[in-house]
Amino acid sequence: FEIKMQEEFRRIRRLNRGTQFILSIVTRAKDMMDQMVR
C-alpha cells in the first residue's frame, strides 16, 4: 500500500504543477485509504 501510495504521489506530481498540489495529495491519500479498507 505504501508503494502504491508513493507511485500515486509521483503521478500527481507529474500532472499537478502549481497550486493545490498538497490538497490533491491529501485527498487522494484519503481516497486510497478508504479503498484499501473496503
Full PDB file with SEQRES, HELIX, SHEET, SSBOND, CRYST1, ORIGX, SCALE, CONECT and MASTER records, all heavy atoms in Angstrom:
SEQRES   1 A   38  PHE GLU ILE LYS MET GLN GLU GLU PHE ARG ARG ILE ARG          
SEQRES   2 A   38  ARG LEU ASN ARG GLY THR GLN PHE ILE LEU SER ILE VAL          
SEQRES   3 A   38  THR ARG ALA LYS ASP MET MET ASP GLN MET VAL ARG              
HELIX    1 AA1 GLU A    2  LEU A   15  1                                  14    
HELIX    2 AA2 PHE A   21  VAL A   37  1                                  17    
CRYST1    1.000    1.000    1.000  90.00  90.00  90.00 P 1           1          
ORIGX1      1.000000  0.000000  0.000000        0.00000                         
ORIGX2      0.000000  1.000000  0.000000        0.00000                         
ORIGX3      0.000000  0.000000  1.000000        0.00000                         
SCALE1      1.000000  0.000000  0.000000        0.00000                         
SCALE2      0.000000  1.000000  0.000000        0.00000                         
SCALE3      0.000000  0.000000  1.000000        0.00000                         
ATOM      1  N   PHE A   1       0.831  -1.198   0.000  1.00  0.00           N  
ATOM      2  CA  PHE A   1       0.000   0.000   0.000  1.00  0.00           C  
ATOM      3  C   PHE A   1       0.869   1.252   0.000  1.00  0.00           C  
ATOM      4  O   PHE A   1       0.597   2.212  -0.724  1.00  0.00           O  
ATOM      5  CB  PHE A   1      -0.948  -0.007   1.201  1.00  0.00           C  
ATOM      6  CG  PHE A   1      -1.899   1.150   1.220  1.00  0.00           C  
ATOM      7  CD1 PHE A   1      -2.803   1.341   0.187  1.00  0.00           C  
ATOM      8  CD2 PHE A   1      -1.896   2.050   2.263  1.00  0.00           C  
ATOM      9  CE1 PHE A   1      -3.682   2.408   0.192  1.00  0.00           C  
ATOM     10  CE2 PHE A   1      -2.772   3.115   2.281  1.00  0.00           C  
ATOM     11  CZ  PHE A   1      -3.661   3.293   1.246  1.00  0.00           C  
ATOM     12  N   GLU A   2       1.929   1.247   0.773  1.00  0.00           N  
ATOM     13  CA  GLU A   2       2.822   2.406   0.794  1.00  0.00           C  
ATOM     14  C   GLU A   2       3.471   2.607  -0.569  1.00  0.00           C  
ATOM     15  O   GLU A   2       3.587   3.734  -1.052  1.00  0.00           O  
ATOM     16  CB  GLU A   2       3.904   2.252   1.867  1.00  0.00           C  
ATOM     17  CG  GLU A   2       4.802   3.465   1.945  1.00  0.00           C  
ATOM     18  CD  GLU A   2       5.789   3.416   3.088  1.00  0.00           C  
ATOM     19  OE1 GLU A   2       5.780   2.461   3.870  1.00  0.00           O  
ATOM     20  OE2 GLU A   2       6.575   4.373   3.195  1.00  0.00           O  
ATOM     21  N   ILE A   3       3.849   1.518  -1.210  1.00  0.00           N  
ATOM     22  CA  ILE A   3       4.456   1.612  -2.535  1.00  0.00           C  
ATOM     23  C   ILE A   3       3.454   2.194  -3.536  1.00  0.00           C  
ATOM     24  O   ILE A   3       3.785   3.086  -4.323  1.00  0.00           O  
ATOM     25  CB  ILE A   3       4.965   0.222  -2.994  1.00  0.00           C  
ATOM     26  CG1 ILE A   3       6.138  -0.199  -2.117  1.00  0.00           C  
ATOM     27  CG2 ILE A   3       5.346   0.230  -4.473  1.00  0.00           C  
ATOM     28  CD1 ILE A   3       6.542  -1.651  -2.251  1.00  0.00           C  
ATOM     29  N   LYS A   4       2.208   1.713  -3.483  1.00  0.00           N  
ATOM     30  CA  LYS A   4       1.169   2.237  -4.378  1.00  0.00           C  
ATOM     31  C   LYS A   4       0.924   3.721  -4.116  1.00  0.00           C  
ATOM     32  O   LYS A   4       0.715   4.497  -5.045  1.00  0.00           O  
ATOM     33  CB  LYS A   4      -0.131   1.461  -4.203  1.00  0.00           C  
ATOM     34  CG  LYS A   4      -0.114   0.103  -4.832  1.00  0.00           C  
ATOM     35  CD  LYS A   4      -1.451  -0.590  -4.655  1.00  0.00           C  
ATOM     36  CE  LYS A   4      -1.403  -1.985  -5.237  1.00  0.00           C  
ATOM     37  NZ  LYS A   4      -2.694  -2.670  -5.102  1.00  0.00           N  
ATOM     38  N   MET A   5       0.931   4.082  -2.849  1.00  0.00           N  
ATOM     39  CA  MET A   5       0.700   5.474  -2.494  1.00  0.00           C  
ATOM     40  C   MET A   5       1.819   6.372  -3.043  1.00  0.00           C  
ATOM     41  O   MET A   5       1.552   7.432  -3.614  1.00  0.00           O  
ATOM     42  CB  MET A   5       0.581   5.592  -0.968  1.00  0.00           C  
ATOM     43  CG  MET A   5      -0.145   6.816  -0.512  1.00  0.00           C  
ATOM     44  SD  MET A   5      -0.371   6.739   1.276  1.00  0.00           S  
ATOM     45  CE  MET A   5      -2.139   6.746   1.310  1.00  0.00           C  
ATOM     46  N   GLN A   6       3.060   5.929  -2.892  1.00  0.00           N  
ATOM     47  CA  GLN A   6       4.199   6.703  -3.415  1.00  0.00           C  
ATOM     48  C   GLN A   6       4.113   6.825  -4.936  1.00  0.00           C  
ATOM     49  O   GLN A   6       4.404   7.888  -5.498  1.00  0.00           O  
ATOM     50  CB  GLN A   6       5.532   6.051  -3.014  1.00  0.00           C  
ATOM     51  CG  GLN A   6       5.842   6.135  -1.541  1.00  0.00           C  
ATOM     52  CD  GLN A   6       6.247   7.532  -1.095  1.00  0.00           C  
ATOM     53  OE1 GLN A   6       6.275   8.489  -1.851  1.00  0.00           O  
ATOM     54  NE2 GLN A   6       6.568   7.647   0.182  1.00  0.00           N  
ATOM     55  N   GLU A   7       3.706   5.758  -5.617  1.00  0.00           N  
ATOM     56  CA  GLU A   7       3.531   5.804  -7.073  1.00  0.00           C  
ATOM     57  C   GLU A   7       2.471   6.832  -7.449  1.00  0.00           C  
ATOM     58  O   GLU A   7       2.631   7.589  -8.409  1.00  0.00           O  
ATOM     59  CB  GLU A   7       3.141   4.430  -7.612  1.00  0.00           C  
ATOM     60  CG  GLU A   7       4.263   3.421  -7.600  1.00  0.00           C  
ATOM     61  CD  GLU A   7       3.797   2.012  -7.942  1.00  0.00           C  
ATOM     62  OE1 GLU A   7       2.581   1.790  -8.183  1.00  0.00           O  
ATOM     63  OE2 GLU A   7       4.664   1.115  -7.967  1.00  0.00           O  
ATOM     64  N   GLU A   8       1.383   6.839  -6.698  1.00  0.00           N  
ATOM     65  CA  GLU A   8       0.312   7.799  -6.965  1.00  0.00           C  
ATOM     66  C   GLU A   8       0.783   9.226  -6.718  1.00  0.00           C  
ATOM     67  O   GLU A   8       0.458  10.145  -7.479  1.00  0.00           O  
ATOM     68  CB  GLU A   8      -0.909   7.477  -6.103  1.00  0.00           C  
ATOM     69  CG  GLU A   8      -2.108   8.328  -6.393  1.00  0.00           C  
ATOM     70  CD  GLU A   8      -2.715   8.129  -7.775  1.00  0.00           C  
ATOM     71  OE1 GLU A   8      -2.330   7.194  -8.496  1.00  0.00           O  
ATOM     72  OE2 GLU A   8      -3.590   8.936  -8.138  1.00  0.00           O  
ATOM     73  N   PHE A   9       1.578   9.439  -5.690  1.00  0.00           N  
ATOM     74  CA  PHE A   9       2.121  10.769  -5.419  1.00  0.00           C  
ATOM     75  C   PHE A   9       2.997  11.231  -6.584  1.00  0.00           C  
ATOM     76  O   PHE A   9       2.965  12.398  -6.989  1.00  0.00           O  
ATOM     77  CB  PHE A   9       2.927  10.785  -4.125  1.00  0.00           C  
ATOM     78  CG  PHE A   9       2.101  10.576  -2.873  1.00  0.00           C  
ATOM     79  CD1 PHE A   9       2.731  10.353  -1.664  1.00  0.00           C  
ATOM     80  CD2 PHE A   9       0.718  10.589  -2.889  1.00  0.00           C  
ATOM     81  CE1 PHE A   9       2.002  10.163  -0.503  1.00  0.00           C  
ATOM     82  CE2 PHE A   9      -0.027  10.402  -1.737  1.00  0.00           C  
ATOM     83  CZ  PHE A   9       0.621  10.183  -0.535  1.00  0.00           C  
ATOM     84  N   ARG A  10       3.803  10.311  -7.136  1.00  0.00           N  
ATOM     85  CA  ARG A  10       4.651  10.664  -8.289  1.00  0.00           C  
ATOM     86  C   ARG A  10       3.784  11.025  -9.499  1.00  0.00           C  
ATOM     87  O   ARG A  10       4.083  11.973 -10.237  1.00  0.00           O  
ATOM     88  CB  ARG A  10       5.604   9.524  -8.632  1.00  0.00           C  
ATOM     89  CG  ARG A  10       6.806   9.458  -7.707  1.00  0.00           C  
ATOM     90  CD  ARG A  10       7.868   8.496  -8.203  1.00  0.00           C  
ATOM     91  NE  ARG A  10       7.465   7.099  -8.121  1.00  0.00           N  
ATOM     92  CZ  ARG A  10       7.535   6.357  -7.017  1.00  0.00           C  
ATOM     93  NH1 ARG A  10       8.010   6.875  -5.899  1.00  0.00           N  
ATOM     94  NH2 ARG A  10       7.148   5.098  -7.029  1.00  0.00           N  
ATOM     95  N   ARG A  11       2.698  10.280  -9.694  1.00  0.00           N  
ATOM     96  CA  ARG A  11       1.793  10.578 -10.814  1.00  0.00           C  
ATOM     97  C   ARG A  11       1.179  11.966 -10.639  1.00  0.00           C  
ATOM     98  O   ARG A  11       1.148  12.768 -11.578  1.00  0.00           O  
ATOM     99  CB  ARG A  11       0.679   9.525 -10.887  1.00  0.00           C  
ATOM    100  CG  ARG A  11      -0.227   9.687 -12.110  1.00  0.00           C  
ATOM    101  CD  ARG A  11      -1.419   8.737 -12.046  1.00  0.00           C  
ATOM    102  NE  ARG A  11      -2.376   9.140 -11.033  1.00  0.00           N  
ATOM    103  CZ  ARG A  11      -3.274  10.124 -11.179  1.00  0.00           C  
ATOM    104  NH1 ARG A  11      -3.332  10.808 -12.297  1.00  0.00           N  
ATOM    105  NH2 ARG A  11      -4.120  10.416 -10.216  1.00  0.00           N  
ATOM    106  N   ILE A  12       0.720  12.269  -9.442  1.00  0.00           N  
ATOM    107  CA  ILE A  12       0.126  13.580  -9.170  1.00  0.00           C  
ATOM    108  C   ILE A  12       1.175  14.669  -9.347  1.00  0.00           C  
ATOM    109  O   ILE A  12       0.886  15.736  -9.895  1.00  0.00           O  
ATOM    110  CB  ILE A  12      -0.496  13.617  -7.756  1.00  0.00           C  
ATOM    111  CG1 ILE A  12      -1.728  12.713  -7.714  1.00  0.00           C  
ATOM    112  CG2 ILE A  12      -0.862  15.041  -7.351  1.00  0.00           C  
ATOM    113  CD1 ILE A  12      -2.289  12.488  -6.321  1.00  0.00           C  
ATOM    114  N   ARG A  13       2.390  14.404  -8.926  1.00  0.00           N  
ATOM    115  CA  ARG A  13       3.480  15.385  -9.065  1.00  0.00           C  
ATOM    116  C   ARG A  13       3.685  15.728 -10.544  1.00  0.00           C  
ATOM    117  O   ARG A  13       3.877  16.886 -10.897  1.00  0.00           O  
ATOM    118  CB  ARG A  13       4.761  14.834  -8.454  1.00  0.00           C  
ATOM    119  CG  ARG A  13       5.934  15.779  -8.509  1.00  0.00           C  
ATOM    120  CD  ARG A  13       7.175  15.186  -7.854  1.00  0.00           C  
ATOM    121  NE  ARG A  13       7.095  15.165  -6.416  1.00  0.00           N  
ATOM    122  CZ  ARG A  13       7.369  16.209  -5.626  1.00  0.00           C  
ATOM    123  NH1 ARG A  13       7.727  17.344  -6.149  1.00  0.00           N  
ATOM    124  NH2 ARG A  13       7.280  16.091  -4.322  1.00  0.00           N  
ATOM    125  N   ARG A  14       3.646  14.707 -11.407  1.00  0.00           N  
ATOM    126  CA  ARG A  14       3.833  14.959 -12.844  1.00  0.00           C  
ATOM    127  C   ARG A  14       2.680  15.772 -13.427  1.00  0.00           C  
ATOM    128  O   ARG A  14       2.880  16.615 -14.297  1.00  0.00           O  
ATOM    129  CB  ARG A  14       3.954  13.644 -13.612  1.00  0.00           C  
ATOM    130  CG  ARG A  14       5.291  12.966 -13.465  1.00  0.00           C  
ATOM    131  CD  ARG A  14       5.446  11.821 -14.453  1.00  0.00           C  
ATOM    132  NE  ARG A  14       4.379  10.831 -14.387  1.00  0.00           N  
ATOM    133  CZ  ARG A  14       4.370   9.767 -13.585  1.00  0.00           C  
ATOM    134  NH1 ARG A  14       5.380   9.548 -12.767  1.00  0.00           N  
ATOM    135  NH2 ARG A  14       3.365   8.921 -13.607  1.00  0.00           N  
ATOM    136  N   LEU A  15       1.473  15.515 -12.969  1.00  0.00           N  
ATOM    137  CA  LEU A  15       0.290  16.160 -13.520  1.00  0.00           C  
ATOM    138  C   LEU A  15      -0.010  17.523 -12.922  1.00  0.00           C  
ATOM    139  O   LEU A  15      -0.646  18.360 -13.555  1.00  0.00           O  
ATOM    140  CB  LEU A  15      -0.943  15.275 -13.289  1.00  0.00           C  
ATOM    141  CG  LEU A  15      -0.958  13.931 -13.985  1.00  0.00           C  
ATOM    142  CD1 LEU A  15      -2.178  13.138 -13.548  1.00  0.00           C  
ATOM    143  CD2 LEU A  15      -0.943  14.104 -15.492  1.00  0.00           C  
ATOM    144  N   ASN A  16       0.404  17.738 -11.696  1.00  0.00           N  
ATOM    145  CA  ASN A  16      -0.089  18.866 -10.921  1.00  0.00           C  
ATOM    146  C   ASN A  16       1.016  19.849 -10.573  1.00  0.00           C  
ATOM    147  O   ASN A  16       1.472  19.901  -9.454  1.00  0.00           O  
ATOM    148  CB  ASN A  16      -0.744  18.323  -9.647  1.00  0.00           C  
ATOM    149  CG  ASN A  16      -1.701  19.304  -9.050  1.00  0.00           C  
ATOM    150  OD1 ASN A  16      -1.740  20.460  -9.418  1.00  0.00           O  
ATOM    151  ND2 ASN A  16      -2.478  18.831  -8.098  1.00  0.00           N  
ATOM    152  N   ARG A  17       1.413  20.628 -11.503  1.00  0.00           N  
ATOM    153  CA  ARG A  17       2.390  21.680 -11.242  1.00  0.00           C  
ATOM    154  C   ARG A  17       1.634  22.925 -10.808  1.00  0.00           C  
ATOM    155  O   ARG A  17       0.716  23.373 -11.483  1.00  0.00           O  
ATOM    156  CB  ARG A  17       3.210  21.995 -12.489  1.00  0.00           C  
ATOM    157  CG  ARG A  17       4.165  20.916 -12.837  1.00  0.00           C  
ATOM    158  CD  ARG A  17       5.336  20.994 -11.905  1.00  0.00           C  
ATOM    159  NE  ARG A  17       6.210  19.844 -12.117  1.00  0.00           N  
ATOM    160  CZ  ARG A  17       7.193  19.570 -11.316  1.00  0.00           C  
ATOM    161  NH1 ARG A  17       7.435  20.296 -10.269  1.00  0.00           N  
ATOM    162  NH2 ARG A  17       7.956  18.542 -11.550  1.00  0.00           N  
ATOM    163  N   GLY A  18       2.026  23.488  -9.695  1.00  0.00           N  
ATOM    164  CA  GLY A  18       1.391  24.727  -9.266  1.00  0.00           C  
ATOM    165  C   GLY A  18       0.541  24.557  -8.031  1.00  0.00           C  
ATOM    166  O   GLY A  18       0.786  23.692  -7.208  1.00  0.00           O  
ATOM    167  N   THR A  19      -0.472  25.380  -7.926  1.00  0.00           N  
ATOM    168  CA  THR A  19      -1.283  25.443  -6.719  1.00  0.00           C  
ATOM    169  C   THR A  19      -2.109  24.189  -6.520  1.00  0.00           C  
ATOM    170  O   THR A  19      -2.352  23.423  -7.437  1.00  0.00           O  
ATOM    171  CB  THR A  19      -2.228  26.654  -6.773  1.00  0.00           C  
ATOM    172  OG1 THR A  19      -3.116  26.473  -7.865  1.00  0.00           O  
ATOM    173  CG2 THR A  19      -1.472  27.947  -6.935  1.00  0.00           C  
ATOM    174  N   GLN A  20      -2.526  23.994  -5.296  1.00  0.00           N  
ATOM    175  CA  GLN A  20      -3.392  22.895  -4.872  1.00  0.00           C  
ATOM    176  C   GLN A  20      -2.722  21.526  -4.953  1.00  0.00           C  
ATOM    177  O   GLN A  20      -3.387  20.509  -4.916  1.00  0.00           O  
ATOM    178  CB  GLN A  20      -4.710  22.891  -5.658  1.00  0.00           C  
ATOM    179  CG  GLN A  20      -5.473  24.195  -5.573  1.00  0.00           C  
ATOM    180  CD  GLN A  20      -5.798  24.621  -4.147  1.00  0.00           C  
ATOM    181  OE1 GLN A  20      -6.237  23.836  -3.349  1.00  0.00           O  
ATOM    182  NE2 GLN A  20      -5.572  25.886  -3.835  1.00  0.00           N  
ATOM    183  N   PHE A  21      -1.411  21.483  -5.038  1.00  0.00           N  
ATOM    184  CA  PHE A  21      -0.690  20.213  -5.080  1.00  0.00           C  
ATOM    185  C   PHE A  21      -0.893  19.439  -3.786  1.00  0.00           C  
ATOM    186  O   PHE A  21      -1.218  18.261  -3.808  1.00  0.00           O  
ATOM    187  CB  PHE A  21       0.800  20.473  -5.320  1.00  0.00           C  
ATOM    188  CG  PHE A  21       1.661  19.255  -5.156  1.00  0.00           C  
ATOM    189  CD1 PHE A  21       1.659  18.262  -6.120  1.00  0.00           C  
ATOM    190  CD2 PHE A  21       2.471  19.096  -4.046  1.00  0.00           C  
ATOM    191  CE1 PHE A  21       2.443  17.133  -5.984  1.00  0.00           C  
ATOM    192  CE2 PHE A  21       3.263  17.969  -3.893  1.00  0.00           C  
ATOM    193  CZ  PHE A  21       3.246  16.990  -4.869  1.00  0.00           C  
ATOM    194  N   ILE A  22      -0.709  20.101  -2.652  1.00  0.00           N  
ATOM    195  CA  ILE A  22      -0.837  19.439  -1.358  1.00  0.00           C  
ATOM    196  C   ILE A  22      -2.260  18.920  -1.180  1.00  0.00           C  
ATOM    197  O   ILE A  22      -2.478  17.794  -0.741  1.00  0.00           O  
ATOM    198  CB  ILE A  22      -0.472  20.402  -0.199  1.00  0.00           C  
ATOM    199  CG1 ILE A  22       0.901  21.017  -0.394  1.00  0.00           C  
ATOM    200  CG2 ILE A  22      -0.591  19.705   1.153  1.00  0.00           C  
ATOM    201  CD1 ILE A  22       2.036  20.048  -0.390  1.00  0.00           C  
ATOM    202  N   LEU A  23      -3.220  19.730  -1.532  1.00  0.00           N  
ATOM    203  CA  LEU A  23      -4.629  19.331  -1.419  1.00  0.00           C  
ATOM    204  C   LEU A  23      -4.898  18.086  -2.261  1.00  0.00           C  
ATOM    205  O   LEU A  23      -5.576  17.159  -1.814  1.00  0.00           O  
ATOM    206  CB  LEU A  23      -5.525  20.492  -1.843  1.00  0.00           C  
ATOM    207  CG  LEU A  23      -7.014  20.314  -1.627  1.00  0.00           C  
ATOM    208  CD1 LEU A  23      -7.331  20.084  -0.162  1.00  0.00           C  
ATOM    209  CD2 LEU A  23      -7.752  21.544  -2.135  1.00  0.00           C  
ATOM    210  N   SER A  24      -4.350  18.038  -3.467  1.00  0.00           N  
ATOM    211  CA  SER A  24      -4.526  16.864  -4.334  1.00  0.00           C  
ATOM    212  C   SER A  24      -3.923  15.617  -3.698  1.00  0.00           C  
ATOM    213  O   SER A  24      -4.525  14.535  -3.724  1.00  0.00           O  
ATOM    214  CB  SER A  24      -3.866  17.096  -5.697  1.00  0.00           C  
ATOM    215  OG  SER A  24      -4.464  18.163  -6.363  1.00  0.00           O  
ATOM    216  N   ILE A  25      -2.747  15.750  -3.110  1.00  0.00           N  
ATOM    217  CA  ILE A  25      -2.074  14.610  -2.479  1.00  0.00           C  
ATOM    218  C   ILE A  25      -2.879  14.118  -1.274  1.00  0.00           C  
ATOM    219  O   ILE A  25      -3.119  12.916  -1.117  1.00  0.00           O  
ATOM    220  CB  ILE A  25      -0.640  14.988  -2.042  1.00  0.00           C  
ATOM    221  CG1 ILE A  25       0.249  15.243  -3.255  1.00  0.00           C  
ATOM    222  CG2 ILE A  25      -0.043  13.946  -1.107  1.00  0.00           C  
ATOM    223  CD1 ILE A  25       0.640  14.017  -4.029  1.00  0.00           C  
ATOM    224  N   VAL A  26      -3.300  15.030  -0.423  1.00  0.00           N  
ATOM    225  CA  VAL A  26      -4.002  14.665   0.812  1.00  0.00           C  
ATOM    226  C   VAL A  26      -5.343  13.998   0.505  1.00  0.00           C  
ATOM    227  O   VAL A  26      -5.664  12.947   1.077  1.00  0.00           O  
ATOM    228  CB  VAL A  26      -4.182  15.911   1.718  1.00  0.00           C  
ATOM    229  CG1 VAL A  26      -5.120  15.627   2.872  1.00  0.00           C  
ATOM    230  CG2 VAL A  26      -2.833  16.390   2.231  1.00  0.00           C  
ATOM    231  N   THR A  27      -6.107  14.569  -0.395  1.00  0.00           N  
ATOM    232  CA  THR A  27      -7.412  13.981  -0.696  1.00  0.00           C  
ATOM    233  C   THR A  27      -7.259  12.633  -1.406  1.00  0.00           C  
ATOM    234  O   THR A  27      -8.036  11.713  -1.151  1.00  0.00           O  
ATOM    235  CB  THR A  27      -8.297  14.933  -1.529  1.00  0.00           C  
ATOM    236  OG1 THR A  27      -7.597  15.323  -2.714  1.00  0.00           O  
ATOM    237  CG2 THR A  27      -8.678  16.162  -0.723  1.00  0.00           C  
ATOM    238  N   ARG A  28      -6.260  12.499  -2.254  1.00  0.00           N  
ATOM    239  CA  ARG A  28      -6.039  11.213  -2.925  1.00  0.00           C  
ATOM    240  C   ARG A  28      -5.582  10.157  -1.918  1.00  0.00           C  
ATOM    241  O   ARG A  28      -5.996   8.993  -1.994  1.00  0.00           O  
ATOM    242  CB  ARG A  28      -5.010  11.372  -4.048  1.00  0.00           C  
ATOM    243  CG  ARG A  28      -4.796  10.114  -4.836  1.00  0.00           C  
ATOM    244  CD  ARG A  28      -6.069   9.674  -5.559  1.00  0.00           C  
ATOM    245  NE  ARG A  28      -5.814   8.407  -6.231  1.00  0.00           N  
ATOM    246  CZ  ARG A  28      -6.559   7.320  -6.087  1.00  0.00           C  
ATOM    247  NH1 ARG A  28      -7.657   7.348  -5.348  1.00  0.00           N  
ATOM    248  NH2 ARG A  28      -6.245   6.210  -6.691  1.00  0.00           N  
ATOM    249  N   ALA A  29      -4.737  10.540  -0.966  1.00  0.00           N  
ATOM    250  CA  ALA A  29      -4.295   9.591   0.065  1.00  0.00           C  
ATOM    251  C   ALA A  29      -5.497   9.077   0.857  1.00  0.00           C  
ATOM    252  O   ALA A  29      -5.616   7.884   1.117  1.00  0.00           O  
ATOM    253  CB  ALA A  29      -3.279  10.251   0.994  1.00  0.00           C  
ATOM    254  N   LYS A  30      -6.409   9.974   1.221  1.00  0.00           N  
ATOM    255  CA  LYS A  30      -7.605   9.553   1.955  1.00  0.00           C  
ATOM    256  C   LYS A  30      -8.460   8.616   1.111  1.00  0.00           C  
ATOM    257  O   LYS A  30      -8.934   7.590   1.601  1.00  0.00           O  
ATOM    258  CB  LYS A  30      -8.432  10.751   2.394  1.00  0.00           C  
ATOM    259  CG  LYS A  30      -9.729  10.329   3.091  1.00  0.00           C  
ATOM    260  CD  LYS A  30     -10.197  11.335   4.049  1.00  0.00           C  
ATOM    261  CE  LYS A  30     -11.486  11.005   4.739  1.00  0.00           C  
ATOM    262  NZ  LYS A  30     -11.742   9.627   5.042  1.00  0.00           N  
ATOM    263  N   ASP A  31      -8.649   8.942  -0.154  1.00  0.00           N  
ATOM    264  CA  ASP A  31      -9.424   8.062  -1.043  1.00  0.00           C  
ATOM    265  C   ASP A  31      -8.786   6.682  -1.127  1.00  0.00           C  
ATOM    266  O   ASP A  31      -9.486   5.666  -1.076  1.00  0.00           O  
ATOM    267  CB  ASP A  31      -9.511   8.654  -2.458  1.00  0.00           C  
ATOM    268  CG  ASP A  31     -10.404   9.871  -2.536  1.00  0.00           C  
ATOM    269  OD1 ASP A  31     -11.205  10.103  -1.602  1.00  0.00           O  
ATOM    270  OD2 ASP A  31     -10.298  10.606  -3.539  1.00  0.00           O  
ATOM    271  N   MET A  32      -7.478   6.636  -1.253  1.00  0.00           N  
ATOM    272  CA  MET A  32      -6.772   5.356  -1.349  1.00  0.00           C  
ATOM    273  C   MET A  32      -6.926   4.550  -0.060  1.00  0.00           C  
ATOM    274  O   MET A  32      -7.087   3.330  -0.097  1.00  0.00           O  
ATOM    275  CB  MET A  32      -5.294   5.582  -1.669  1.00  0.00           C  
ATOM    276  CG  MET A  32      -5.058   6.070  -3.085  1.00  0.00           C  
ATOM    277  SD  MET A  32      -3.310   6.363  -3.430  1.00  0.00           S  
ATOM    278  CE  MET A  32      -2.726   4.655  -3.562  1.00  0.00           C  
ATOM    279  N   MET A  33      -6.885   5.230   1.083  1.00  0.00           N  
ATOM    280  CA  MET A  33      -7.064   4.540   2.367  1.00  0.00           C  
ATOM    281  C   MET A  33      -8.461   3.943   2.469  1.00  0.00           C  
ATOM    282  O   MET A  33      -8.623   2.803   2.900  1.00  0.00           O  
ATOM    283  CB  MET A  33      -6.805   5.495   3.525  1.00  0.00           C  
ATOM    284  CG  MET A  33      -5.369   5.822   3.722  1.00  0.00           C  
ATOM    285  SD  MET A  33      -5.162   6.953   5.110  1.00  0.00           S  
ATOM    286  CE  MET A  33      -3.462   7.424   4.875  1.00  0.00           C  
ATOM    287  N   ASP A  34      -9.466   4.723   2.068  1.00  0.00           N  
ATOM    288  CA  ASP A  34     -10.838   4.215   2.120  1.00  0.00           C  
ATOM    289  C   ASP A  34     -11.020   3.026   1.174  1.00  0.00           C  
ATOM    290  O   ASP A  34     -11.701   2.053   1.517  1.00  0.00           O  
ATOM    291  CB  ASP A  34     -11.838   5.334   1.796  1.00  0.00           C  
ATOM    292  CG  ASP A  34     -11.981   6.332   2.934  1.00  0.00           C  
ATOM    293  OD1 ASP A  34     -11.617   5.994   4.086  1.00  0.00           O  
ATOM    294  OD2 ASP A  34     -12.448   7.457   2.678  1.00  0.00           O  
ATOM    295  N   GLN A  35     -10.401   3.084   0.010  1.00  0.00           N  
ATOM    296  CA  GLN A  35     -10.460   1.950  -0.926  1.00  0.00           C  
ATOM    297  C   GLN A  35      -9.787   0.716  -0.319  1.00  0.00           C  
ATOM    298  O   GLN A  35     -10.294  -0.403  -0.442  1.00  0.00           O  
ATOM    299  CB  GLN A  35      -9.789   2.308  -2.251  1.00  0.00           C  
ATOM    300  CG  GLN A  35     -10.570   3.280  -3.087  1.00  0.00           C  
ATOM    301  CD  GLN A  35      -9.791   3.760  -4.300  1.00  0.00           C  
ATOM    302  OE1 GLN A  35      -8.675   3.315  -4.573  1.00  0.00           O  
ATOM    303  NE2 GLN A  35     -10.368   4.694  -5.037  1.00  0.00           N  
ATOM    304  N   MET A  36      -8.642   0.916   0.331  1.00  0.00           N  
ATOM    305  CA  MET A  36      -7.919  -0.202   0.945  1.00  0.00           C  
ATOM    306  C   MET A  36      -8.750  -0.816   2.069  1.00  0.00           C  
ATOM    307  O   MET A  36      -8.815  -2.035   2.211  1.00  0.00           O  
ATOM    308  CB  MET A  36      -6.557   0.242   1.466  1.00  0.00           C  
ATOM    309  CG  MET A  36      -5.755  -0.864   2.127  1.00  0.00           C  
ATOM    310  SD  MET A  36      -5.444  -2.314   1.111  1.00  0.00           S  
ATOM    311  CE  MET A  36      -4.269  -1.677  -0.049  1.00  0.00           C  
ATOM    312  N   VAL A  37      -9.414   0.010   2.872  1.00  0.00           N  
ATOM    313  CA  VAL A  37     -10.264  -0.507   3.947  1.00  0.00           C  
ATOM    314  C   VAL A  37     -11.389  -1.357   3.356  1.00  0.00           C  
ATOM    315  O   VAL A  37     -11.678  -2.446   3.844  1.00  0.00           O  
ATOM    316  CB  VAL A  37     -10.824   0.645   4.818  1.00  0.00           C  
ATOM    317  CG1 VAL A  37     -11.970   0.170   5.702  1.00  0.00           C  
ATOM    318  CG2 VAL A  37      -9.718   1.246   5.668  1.00  0.00           C  
ATOM    319  N   ARG A  38     -12.015  -0.859   2.291  1.00  0.00           N  
ATOM    320  CA  ARG A  38     -13.094  -1.633   1.649  1.00  0.00           C  
ATOM    321  C   ARG A  38     -12.565  -2.969   1.119  1.00  0.00           C  
ATOM    322  O   ARG A  38     -13.214  -4.006   1.275  1.00  0.00           O  
ATOM    323  CB  ARG A  38     -13.737  -0.823   0.524  1.00  0.00           C  
ATOM    324  CG  ARG A  38     -14.659   0.276   1.030  1.00  0.00           C  
ATOM    325  CD  ARG A  38     -15.489   0.884  -0.082  1.00  0.00           C  
ATOM    326  NE  ARG A  38     -14.710   1.563  -1.095  1.00  0.00           N  
ATOM    327  CZ  ARG A  38     -14.310   2.826  -1.022  1.00  0.00           C  
ATOM    328  NH1 ARG A  38     -14.621   3.563   0.032  1.00  0.00           N  
ATOM    329  NH2 ARG A  38     -13.610   3.362  -2.006  1.00  0.00           N  
TER     330      ARG A  38                                                      
MASTER        0    0    0    2    0    0    0    6  329    1    0    3          
END                                                                             
